[in-house]
Amino acid sequence: MSDYSQANIPLQSVAVTKSGNNTTSGNHNDDVTREIALTMADAAADRKAGDVLILFVADVSYLADYFLVITGYSKAQVRAIAEAIEHKVETEWQRRPLRTEGKSEGSWVLQDYGELIVHIMMPREREFYNLEAFWGHAERIELPKSVDSGG
């Protein structure tokens, strides 16, 4: 049994994807990460994304500090949102995702920036996987009015 558990726990990815910075509320790195999350939300809104949600998950998960959950209404729009986020974050913050998955399929694109994980999903996938409910105990970050897009 212990061999099975060890073989299936991605211990390496925790060290690689976690920034190692203290995520205590109020520190400088958390402020920067929050601003990057807001930049991502703004880029998604520029591509008419729906239901943009930022969750602060650092207090309830070791996976990341923030999750963004975003709806795109076509595969082309999902890809366009992903491209817009990559471009804006690279331009404004000189950051690129560590990994990107799902771009070729286009129904759910995941962008892993280490302390930020972005999920851009078609409505069917978003409803089925319901990440908002799964991470419902995480703090929801209020979006500026220019980004808030009730979908």
N, C-alpha and C. Protein backbone atom coordinates (compact mmCIF):
# COMPACT_ATOMS: atom_id res chain seq x y z
N MET A 1 0.81 -1.21 0.00
CA MET A 1 0.00 0.00 0.00
C MET A 1 0.85 1.27 0.00
N SER A 2 1.90 1.30 0.80
CA SER A 2 2.69 2.52 0.86
C SER A 2 3.38 2.81 -0.46
N ASP A 3 3.78 1.77 -1.21
CA ASP A 3 4.38 1.99 -2.53
C ASP A 3 3.38 2.66 -3.45
N TYR A 4 2.12 2.24 -3.40
CA TYR A 4 1.08 2.83 -4.24
C TYR A 4 0.90 4.31 -3.92
N SER A 5 0.82 4.63 -2.64
CA SER A 5 0.63 6.03 -2.24
C SER A 5 1.79 6.90 -2.69
N GLN A 6 3.00 6.43 -2.48
CA GLN A 6 4.16 7.22 -2.85
C GLN A 6 4.26 7.39 -4.36
N ALA A 7 3.88 6.37 -5.11
CA ALA A 7 3.98 6.44 -6.56
C ALA A 7 2.98 7.40 -7.17
N ASN A 8 1.88 7.66 -6.49
CA ASN A 8 0.83 8.48 -7.06
C ASN A 8 0.72 9.88 -6.49
N ILE A 9 1.59 10.24 -5.60
CA ILE A 9 1.59 11.59 -5.05
C ILE A 9 2.66 12.40 -5.79
N PRO A 10 2.28 13.45 -6.48
CA PRO A 10 3.26 14.23 -7.25
C PRO A 10 4.07 15.17 -6.37
N LEU A 11 4.93 14.61 -5.53
CA LEU A 11 5.71 15.43 -4.61
C LEU A 11 6.57 16.44 -5.35
N GLN A 12 7.13 16.07 -6.47
CA GLN A 12 7.99 16.96 -7.24
C GLN A 12 7.23 18.21 -7.68
N SER A 13 5.97 18.06 -8.10
CA SER A 13 5.25 19.22 -8.62
C SER A 13 4.97 20.26 -7.54
N VAL A 14 4.85 19.84 -6.30
CA VAL A 14 4.62 20.80 -5.23
C VAL A 14 5.81 21.74 -5.12
N ALA A 15 7.01 21.18 -5.13
CA ALA A 15 8.21 22.00 -5.01
C ALA A 15 8.40 22.88 -6.24
N VAL A 16 8.04 22.39 -7.40
CA VAL A 16 8.25 23.13 -8.63
C VAL A 16 7.22 24.24 -8.79
N THR A 17 5.95 23.95 -8.50
CA THR A 17 4.90 24.94 -8.76
C THR A 17 4.71 25.93 -7.62
N LYS A 18 5.07 25.57 -6.42
CA LYS A 18 4.89 26.48 -5.29
C LYS A 18 6.04 27.47 -5.27
N SER A 19 5.74 28.73 -5.12
CA SER A 19 6.77 29.75 -5.17
C SER A 19 7.72 29.70 -3.98
N GLY A 20 7.27 29.11 -2.88
CA GLY A 20 8.10 29.07 -1.69
C GLY A 20 8.00 30.33 -0.86
N ASN A 21 7.30 31.32 -1.35
CA ASN A 21 7.14 32.58 -0.61
C ASN A 21 6.10 32.40 0.47
N ASN A 22 6.30 33.10 1.54
CA ASN A 22 5.32 33.10 2.61
C ASN A 22 4.04 33.75 2.09
N THR A 23 2.90 33.06 2.26
CA THR A 23 1.65 33.60 1.73
C THR A 23 0.80 34.26 2.80
N THR A 24 1.42 34.65 3.89
CA THR A 24 0.69 35.34 4.94
C THR A 24 0.08 36.61 4.38
N SER A 25 -1.19 36.81 4.68
CA SER A 25 -1.87 38.00 4.16
C SER A 25 -1.10 39.25 4.53
N GLY A 26 -0.99 40.14 3.55
CA GLY A 26 -0.38 41.42 3.80
C GLY A 26 1.07 41.50 3.40
N ASN A 27 1.73 40.37 3.09
CA ASN A 27 3.13 40.53 2.70
C ASN A 27 3.22 40.99 1.25
N HIS A 28 4.37 41.51 0.87
CA HIS A 28 4.56 42.11 -0.45
C HIS A 28 4.31 41.12 -1.59
N ASN A 29 4.82 39.90 -1.46
CA ASN A 29 4.66 38.92 -2.53
C ASN A 29 3.19 38.57 -2.76
N ASP A 30 2.40 38.51 -1.69
CA ASP A 30 0.98 38.24 -1.84
C ASP A 30 0.28 39.39 -2.55
N ASP A 31 0.69 40.62 -2.25
CA ASP A 31 0.12 41.78 -2.92
C ASP A 31 0.41 41.74 -4.42
N VAL A 32 1.62 41.38 -4.78
CA VAL A 32 2.00 41.28 -6.20
C VAL A 32 1.20 40.17 -6.87
N THR A 33 1.11 39.03 -6.22
CA THR A 33 0.36 37.90 -6.78
C THR A 33 -1.11 38.28 -6.98
N ARG A 34 -1.67 39.00 -6.04
CA ARG A 34 -3.06 39.46 -6.17
C ARG A 34 -3.20 40.41 -7.37
N GLU A 35 -2.24 41.30 -7.55
CA GLU A 35 -2.27 42.22 -8.69
C GLU A 35 -2.15 41.47 -10.02
N ILE A 36 -1.33 40.43 -10.04
CA ILE A 36 -1.23 39.61 -11.26
C ILE A 36 -2.57 38.93 -11.53
N ALA A 37 -3.22 38.43 -10.49
CA ALA A 37 -4.54 37.81 -10.65
C ALA A 37 -5.54 38.80 -11.23
N LEU A 38 -5.51 40.04 -10.75
CA LEU A 38 -6.41 41.06 -11.28
C LEU A 38 -6.06 41.41 -12.73
N THR A 39 -4.77 41.39 -13.07
CA THR A 39 -4.35 41.60 -14.46
C THR A 39 -4.92 40.49 -15.35
N MET A 40 -4.87 39.27 -14.86
CA MET A 40 -5.42 38.13 -15.61
C MET A 40 -6.93 38.29 -15.82
N ALA A 41 -7.62 38.70 -14.78
CA ALA A 41 -9.06 38.90 -14.88
C ALA A 41 -9.40 40.00 -15.88
N ASP A 42 -8.60 41.06 -15.88
CA ASP A 42 -8.79 42.15 -16.82
C ASP A 42 -8.58 41.68 -18.26
N ALA A 43 -7.54 40.87 -18.49
CA ALA A 43 -7.28 40.34 -19.83
C ALA A 43 -8.44 39.46 -20.28
N ALA A 44 -8.99 38.67 -19.37
CA ALA A 44 -10.14 37.82 -19.71
C ALA A 44 -11.36 38.67 -20.06
N ALA A 45 -11.58 39.73 -19.29
CA ALA A 45 -12.71 40.63 -19.56
C ALA A 45 -12.56 41.30 -20.92
N ASP A 46 -11.32 41.61 -21.32
CA ASP A 46 -11.07 42.21 -22.63
C ASP A 46 -11.53 41.29 -23.76
N ARG A 47 -11.57 39.99 -23.51
CA ARG A 47 -12.01 39.01 -24.51
C ARG A 47 -13.44 38.55 -24.24
N LYS A 48 -14.19 39.37 -23.48
CA LYS A 48 -15.61 39.13 -23.19
C LYS A 48 -15.87 37.82 -22.46
N ALA A 49 -14.96 37.44 -21.57
CA ALA A 49 -15.14 36.25 -20.75
C ALA A 49 -16.34 36.43 -19.83
N GLY A 50 -16.95 35.34 -19.45
CA GLY A 50 -18.09 35.40 -18.53
C GLY A 50 -17.72 34.87 -17.16
N ASP A 51 -18.44 35.32 -16.16
CA ASP A 51 -18.32 34.80 -14.80
C ASP A 51 -16.87 34.67 -14.33
N VAL A 52 -16.12 35.73 -14.41
CA VAL A 52 -14.73 35.72 -13.96
C VAL A 52 -14.72 35.67 -12.43
N LEU A 53 -14.02 34.68 -11.90
CA LEU A 53 -13.97 34.49 -10.45
C LEU A 53 -12.52 34.31 -10.02
N ILE A 54 -12.13 35.05 -8.99
CA ILE A 54 -10.80 34.87 -8.39
C ILE A 54 -11.02 34.35 -6.97
N LEU A 55 -10.37 33.24 -6.68
CA LEU A 55 -10.44 32.63 -5.35
C LEU A 55 -9.06 32.66 -4.70
N PHE A 56 -8.99 33.16 -3.47
CA PHE A 56 -7.75 33.11 -2.69
C PHE A 56 -7.76 31.77 -1.96
N VAL A 57 -6.92 30.83 -2.41
CA VAL A 57 -6.94 29.47 -1.89
C VAL A 57 -5.73 29.14 -1.02
N ALA A 58 -4.83 30.08 -0.81
CA ALA A 58 -3.60 29.81 -0.06
C ALA A 58 -3.88 29.29 1.34
N ASP A 59 -4.96 29.72 1.96
CA ASP A 59 -5.26 29.29 3.32
C ASP A 59 -5.89 27.90 3.37
N VAL A 60 -6.33 27.38 2.22
CA VAL A 60 -7.02 26.08 2.21
C VAL A 60 -6.38 25.06 1.27
N SER A 61 -5.29 25.43 0.60
CA SER A 61 -4.66 24.52 -0.35
C SER A 61 -3.18 24.84 -0.49
N TYR A 62 -2.39 23.81 -0.71
CA TYR A 62 -0.97 24.01 -0.98
C TYR A 62 -0.69 24.13 -2.48
N LEU A 63 -1.71 23.95 -3.32
CA LEU A 63 -1.52 23.94 -4.77
C LEU A 63 -1.14 25.30 -5.34
N ALA A 64 -1.73 26.34 -4.80
CA ALA A 64 -1.52 27.69 -5.33
C ALA A 64 -2.02 28.69 -4.31
N ASP A 65 -1.78 29.98 -4.59
CA ASP A 65 -2.33 31.04 -3.76
C ASP A 65 -3.69 31.49 -4.29
N TYR A 66 -3.82 31.53 -5.63
CA TYR A 66 -5.05 31.99 -6.26
C TYR A 66 -5.46 31.03 -7.37
N PHE A 67 -6.76 30.81 -7.50
CA PHE A 67 -7.35 30.15 -8.65
C PHE A 67 -8.21 31.19 -9.36
N LEU A 68 -8.14 31.21 -10.68
CA LEU A 68 -9.07 32.00 -11.47
C LEU A 68 -9.93 31.01 -12.24
N VAL A 69 -11.23 31.21 -12.20
CA VAL A 69 -12.17 30.37 -12.95
C VAL A 69 -12.92 31.30 -13.89
N ILE A 70 -12.85 30.98 -15.18
CA ILE A 70 -13.33 31.89 -16.22
C ILE A 70 -14.12 31.09 -17.24
N THR A 71 -15.20 31.67 -17.76
CA THR A 71 -16.00 31.01 -18.79
C THR A 71 -15.75 31.64 -20.14
N GLY A 72 -15.56 30.78 -21.14
CA GLY A 72 -15.54 31.17 -22.54
C GLY A 72 -16.67 30.43 -23.23
N TYR A 73 -17.33 31.07 -24.19
CA TYR A 73 -18.54 30.51 -24.76
C TYR A 73 -18.34 29.77 -26.08
N SER A 74 -17.10 29.67 -26.53
CA SER A 74 -16.76 28.83 -27.68
C SER A 74 -15.31 28.40 -27.49
N LYS A 75 -14.91 27.36 -28.21
CA LYS A 75 -13.52 26.90 -28.09
C LYS A 75 -12.56 27.99 -28.55
N ALA A 76 -12.95 28.71 -29.60
CA ALA A 76 -12.10 29.81 -30.08
C ALA A 76 -11.97 30.89 -29.01
N GLN A 77 -13.06 31.21 -28.32
CA GLN A 77 -13.00 32.23 -27.28
C GLN A 77 -12.16 31.75 -26.09
N VAL A 78 -12.29 30.48 -25.72
CA VAL A 78 -11.48 29.95 -24.63
C VAL A 78 -10.00 30.12 -24.95
N ARG A 79 -9.61 29.76 -26.17
CA ARG A 79 -8.21 29.93 -26.60
C ARG A 79 -7.80 31.40 -26.62
N ALA A 80 -8.69 32.26 -27.11
CA ALA A 80 -8.39 33.70 -27.18
C ALA A 80 -8.20 34.29 -25.79
N ILE A 81 -9.00 33.86 -24.83
CA ILE A 81 -8.85 34.32 -23.45
C ILE A 81 -7.49 33.88 -22.91
N ALA A 82 -7.14 32.62 -23.16
CA ALA A 82 -5.84 32.10 -22.70
C ALA A 82 -4.69 32.91 -23.30
N GLU A 83 -4.77 33.19 -24.60
CA GLU A 83 -3.72 33.98 -25.27
C GLU A 83 -3.66 35.39 -24.70
N ALA A 84 -4.82 35.99 -24.46
CA ALA A 84 -4.85 37.35 -23.92
C ALA A 84 -4.21 37.41 -22.53
N ILE A 85 -4.50 36.41 -21.70
CA ILE A 85 -3.91 36.36 -20.37
C ILE A 85 -2.40 36.21 -20.48
N GLU A 86 -1.95 35.27 -21.31
CA GLU A 86 -0.50 35.07 -21.47
C GLU A 86 0.19 36.35 -21.93
N HIS A 87 -0.39 37.01 -22.92
CA HIS A 87 0.23 38.21 -23.47
C HIS A 87 0.28 39.34 -22.44
N LYS A 88 -0.85 39.58 -21.76
CA LYS A 88 -0.90 40.70 -20.81
C LYS A 88 0.01 40.46 -19.60
N VAL A 89 0.05 39.23 -19.11
CA VAL A 89 0.90 38.94 -17.95
C VAL A 89 2.38 39.00 -18.35
N GLU A 90 2.69 38.53 -19.55
CA GLU A 90 4.08 38.62 -20.00
C GLU A 90 4.49 40.08 -20.21
N THR A 91 3.60 40.88 -20.79
CA THR A 91 3.90 42.28 -21.06
C THR A 91 4.03 43.09 -19.76
N GLU A 92 3.08 42.92 -18.84
CA GLU A 92 3.05 43.74 -17.64
C GLU A 92 3.88 43.20 -16.48
N TRP A 93 4.06 41.88 -16.42
CA TRP A 93 4.73 41.27 -15.27
C TRP A 93 5.94 40.42 -15.64
N GLN A 94 6.24 40.31 -16.93
CA GLN A 94 7.36 39.50 -17.40
C GLN A 94 7.28 38.07 -16.87
N ARG A 95 6.08 37.52 -16.89
CA ARG A 95 5.83 36.15 -16.41
C ARG A 95 5.17 35.35 -17.51
N ARG A 96 5.58 34.09 -17.65
CA ARG A 96 4.95 33.15 -18.57
C ARG A 96 4.48 31.95 -17.75
N PRO A 97 3.45 31.25 -18.22
CA PRO A 97 3.01 30.08 -17.46
C PRO A 97 4.09 29.00 -17.42
N LEU A 98 4.16 28.29 -16.31
CA LEU A 98 5.06 27.16 -16.20
C LEU A 98 4.58 26.03 -17.11
N ARG A 99 3.27 25.86 -17.16
CA ARG A 99 2.64 24.85 -17.99
C ARG A 99 1.29 25.35 -18.47
N THR A 100 0.90 24.91 -19.65
CA THR A 100 -0.44 25.17 -20.19
C THR A 100 -0.97 23.86 -20.73
N GLU A 101 -2.21 23.54 -20.39
CA GLU A 101 -2.84 22.30 -20.86
C GLU A 101 -4.19 22.63 -21.49
N GLY A 102 -4.56 21.86 -22.50
CA GLY A 102 -5.91 21.93 -23.06
C GLY A 102 -6.12 22.92 -24.18
N LYS A 103 -5.09 23.63 -24.60
CA LYS A 103 -5.27 24.65 -25.65
C LYS A 103 -5.72 24.04 -26.97
N SER A 104 -5.17 22.91 -27.33
CA SER A 104 -5.54 22.31 -28.62
C SER A 104 -6.99 21.83 -28.61
N GLU A 105 -7.49 21.34 -27.48
CA GLU A 105 -8.87 20.89 -27.37
C GLU A 105 -9.80 22.10 -27.26
N GLY A 106 -9.48 23.01 -26.37
CA GLY A 106 -10.20 24.27 -26.28
C GLY A 106 -11.44 24.31 -25.41
N SER A 107 -11.81 23.20 -24.79
CA SER A 107 -12.99 23.26 -23.92
C SER A 107 -12.63 23.58 -22.47
N TRP A 108 -11.36 23.36 -22.10
CA TRP A 108 -10.88 23.71 -20.76
C TRP A 108 -9.38 23.92 -20.88
N VAL A 109 -8.94 25.16 -20.75
CA VAL A 109 -7.52 25.47 -20.77
C VAL A 109 -7.09 25.76 -19.34
N LEU A 110 -6.00 25.12 -18.94
CA LEU A 110 -5.44 25.33 -17.62
C LEU A 110 -4.07 25.96 -17.80
N GLN A 111 -3.86 27.09 -17.14
CA GLN A 111 -2.57 27.78 -17.15
C GLN A 111 -2.02 27.77 -15.74
N ASP A 112 -0.83 27.21 -15.58
CA ASP A 112 -0.20 27.10 -14.27
C ASP A 112 0.94 28.11 -14.19
N TYR A 113 0.74 29.13 -13.37
CA TYR A 113 1.77 30.15 -13.15
C TYR A 113 2.45 29.94 -11.80
N GLY A 114 2.32 28.77 -11.22
CA GLY A 114 2.90 28.50 -9.90
C GLY A 114 1.93 28.91 -8.81
N GLU A 115 2.03 30.13 -8.37
CA GLU A 115 1.14 30.59 -7.30
C GLU A 115 -0.25 31.00 -7.80
N LEU A 116 -0.42 31.01 -9.12
CA LEU A 116 -1.73 31.31 -9.73
C LEU A 116 -2.06 30.18 -10.72
N ILE A 117 -3.27 29.67 -10.63
CA ILE A 117 -3.73 28.65 -11.58
C ILE A 117 -5.01 29.17 -12.21
N VAL A 118 -5.02 29.21 -13.55
CA VAL A 118 -6.14 29.74 -14.31
C VAL A 118 -6.87 28.60 -14.99
N HIS A 119 -8.20 28.55 -14.80
CA HIS A 119 -9.06 27.58 -15.47
C HIS A 119 -10.00 28.37 -16.39
N ILE A 120 -9.86 28.16 -17.69
CA ILE A 120 -10.75 28.81 -18.66
C ILE A 120 -11.58 27.70 -19.27
N MET A 121 -12.90 27.74 -19.04
CA MET A 121 -13.74 26.60 -19.36
C MET A 121 -14.97 27.00 -20.17
N MET A 122 -15.42 26.05 -20.98
CA MET A 122 -16.72 26.19 -21.64
C MET A 122 -17.79 26.02 -20.56
N PRO A 123 -19.01 26.54 -20.78
CA PRO A 123 -20.05 26.45 -19.74
C PRO A 123 -20.35 25.02 -19.27
N ARG A 124 -20.37 24.06 -20.19
CA ARG A 124 -20.68 22.68 -19.81
C ARG A 124 -19.62 22.14 -18.83
N GLU A 125 -18.35 22.37 -19.12
CA GLU A 125 -17.28 21.91 -18.24
C GLU A 125 -17.32 22.64 -16.90
N ARG A 126 -17.57 23.92 -16.96
CA ARG A 126 -17.61 24.69 -15.71
C ARG A 126 -18.74 24.20 -14.81
N GLU A 127 -19.89 23.94 -15.40
CA GLU A 127 -21.02 23.45 -14.62
C GLU A 127 -20.75 22.04 -14.08
N PHE A 128 -20.19 21.17 -14.92
CA PHE A 128 -19.95 19.79 -14.51
C PHE A 128 -18.92 19.69 -13.38
N TYR A 129 -17.79 20.36 -13.54
CA TYR A 129 -16.71 20.26 -12.54
C TYR A 129 -16.94 21.16 -11.34
N ASN A 130 -17.69 22.24 -11.51
CA ASN A 130 -18.15 23.09 -10.41
C ASN A 130 -17.04 23.40 -9.39
N LEU A 131 -15.96 23.97 -9.89
CA LEU A 131 -14.83 24.30 -9.02
C LEU A 131 -15.21 25.30 -7.93
N GLU A 132 -16.17 26.16 -8.24
CA GLU A 132 -16.61 27.14 -7.23
C GLU A 132 -17.14 26.44 -5.99
N ALA A 133 -17.90 25.37 -6.17
CA ALA A 133 -18.44 24.64 -5.02
C ALA A 133 -17.33 23.87 -4.31
N PHE A 134 -16.43 23.26 -5.09
CA PHE A 134 -15.34 22.48 -4.51
C PHE A 134 -14.44 23.36 -3.66
N TRP A 135 -14.18 24.58 -4.13
CA TRP A 135 -13.33 25.52 -3.40
C TRP A 135 -14.19 26.60 -2.73
N GLY A 136 -15.42 26.28 -2.38
CA GLY A 136 -16.36 27.24 -1.81
C GLY A 136 -15.91 27.86 -0.50
N HIS A 137 -15.02 27.20 0.21
CA HIS A 137 -14.53 27.72 1.50
C HIS A 137 -13.38 28.71 1.30
N ALA A 138 -12.95 28.90 0.06
CA ALA A 138 -11.89 29.88 -0.22
C ALA A 138 -12.49 31.29 -0.30
N GLU A 139 -11.66 32.27 -0.03
CA GLU A 139 -12.10 33.67 -0.09
C GLU A 139 -12.28 34.11 -1.55
N ARG A 140 -13.42 34.71 -1.85
CA ARG A 140 -13.65 35.28 -3.18
C ARG A 140 -13.14 36.70 -3.21
N ILE A 141 -12.36 36.99 -4.25
CA ILE A 141 -11.78 38.32 -4.39
C ILE A 141 -12.71 39.17 -5.24
N GLU A 142 -13.05 40.35 -4.71
CA GLU A 142 -13.93 41.25 -5.44
C GLU A 142 -13.21 41.83 -6.65
N LEU A 143 -13.88 41.82 -7.78
CA LEU A 143 -13.31 42.35 -9.01
C LEU A 143 -13.68 43.81 -9.18
N PRO A 144 -12.79 44.59 -9.79
CA PRO A 144 -13.16 45.97 -10.13
C PRO A 144 -14.35 45.95 -11.09
N LYS A 145 -15.13 46.99 -11.09
CA LYS A 145 -16.33 47.06 -11.94
C LYS A 145 -16.01 46.86 -13.41
N SER A 146 -14.83 47.30 -13.86
CA SER A 146 -14.46 47.14 -15.26
C SER A 146 -14.27 45.68 -15.65
N VAL A 147 -14.03 44.82 -14.67
CA VAL A 147 -13.79 43.40 -14.92
C VAL A 147 -15.04 42.58 -14.64
N ASP A 148 -15.81 42.98 -13.63
CA ASP A 148 -16.97 42.20 -13.19
C ASP A 148 -17.94 42.01 -14.34
N SER A 149 -18.14 40.73 -14.70
CA SER A 149 -18.92 40.44 -15.91
C SER A 149 -20.03 39.45 -15.67
N GLY A 150 -20.79 39.46 -14.75
CA GLY A 150 -21.81 38.51 -14.42
C GLY A 150 -22.20 37.44 -15.40
N GLY A 151 -21.69 37.41 -16.64
CA GLY A 151 -21.83 36.34 -17.60
C GLY A 151 -23.12 36.28 -18.24
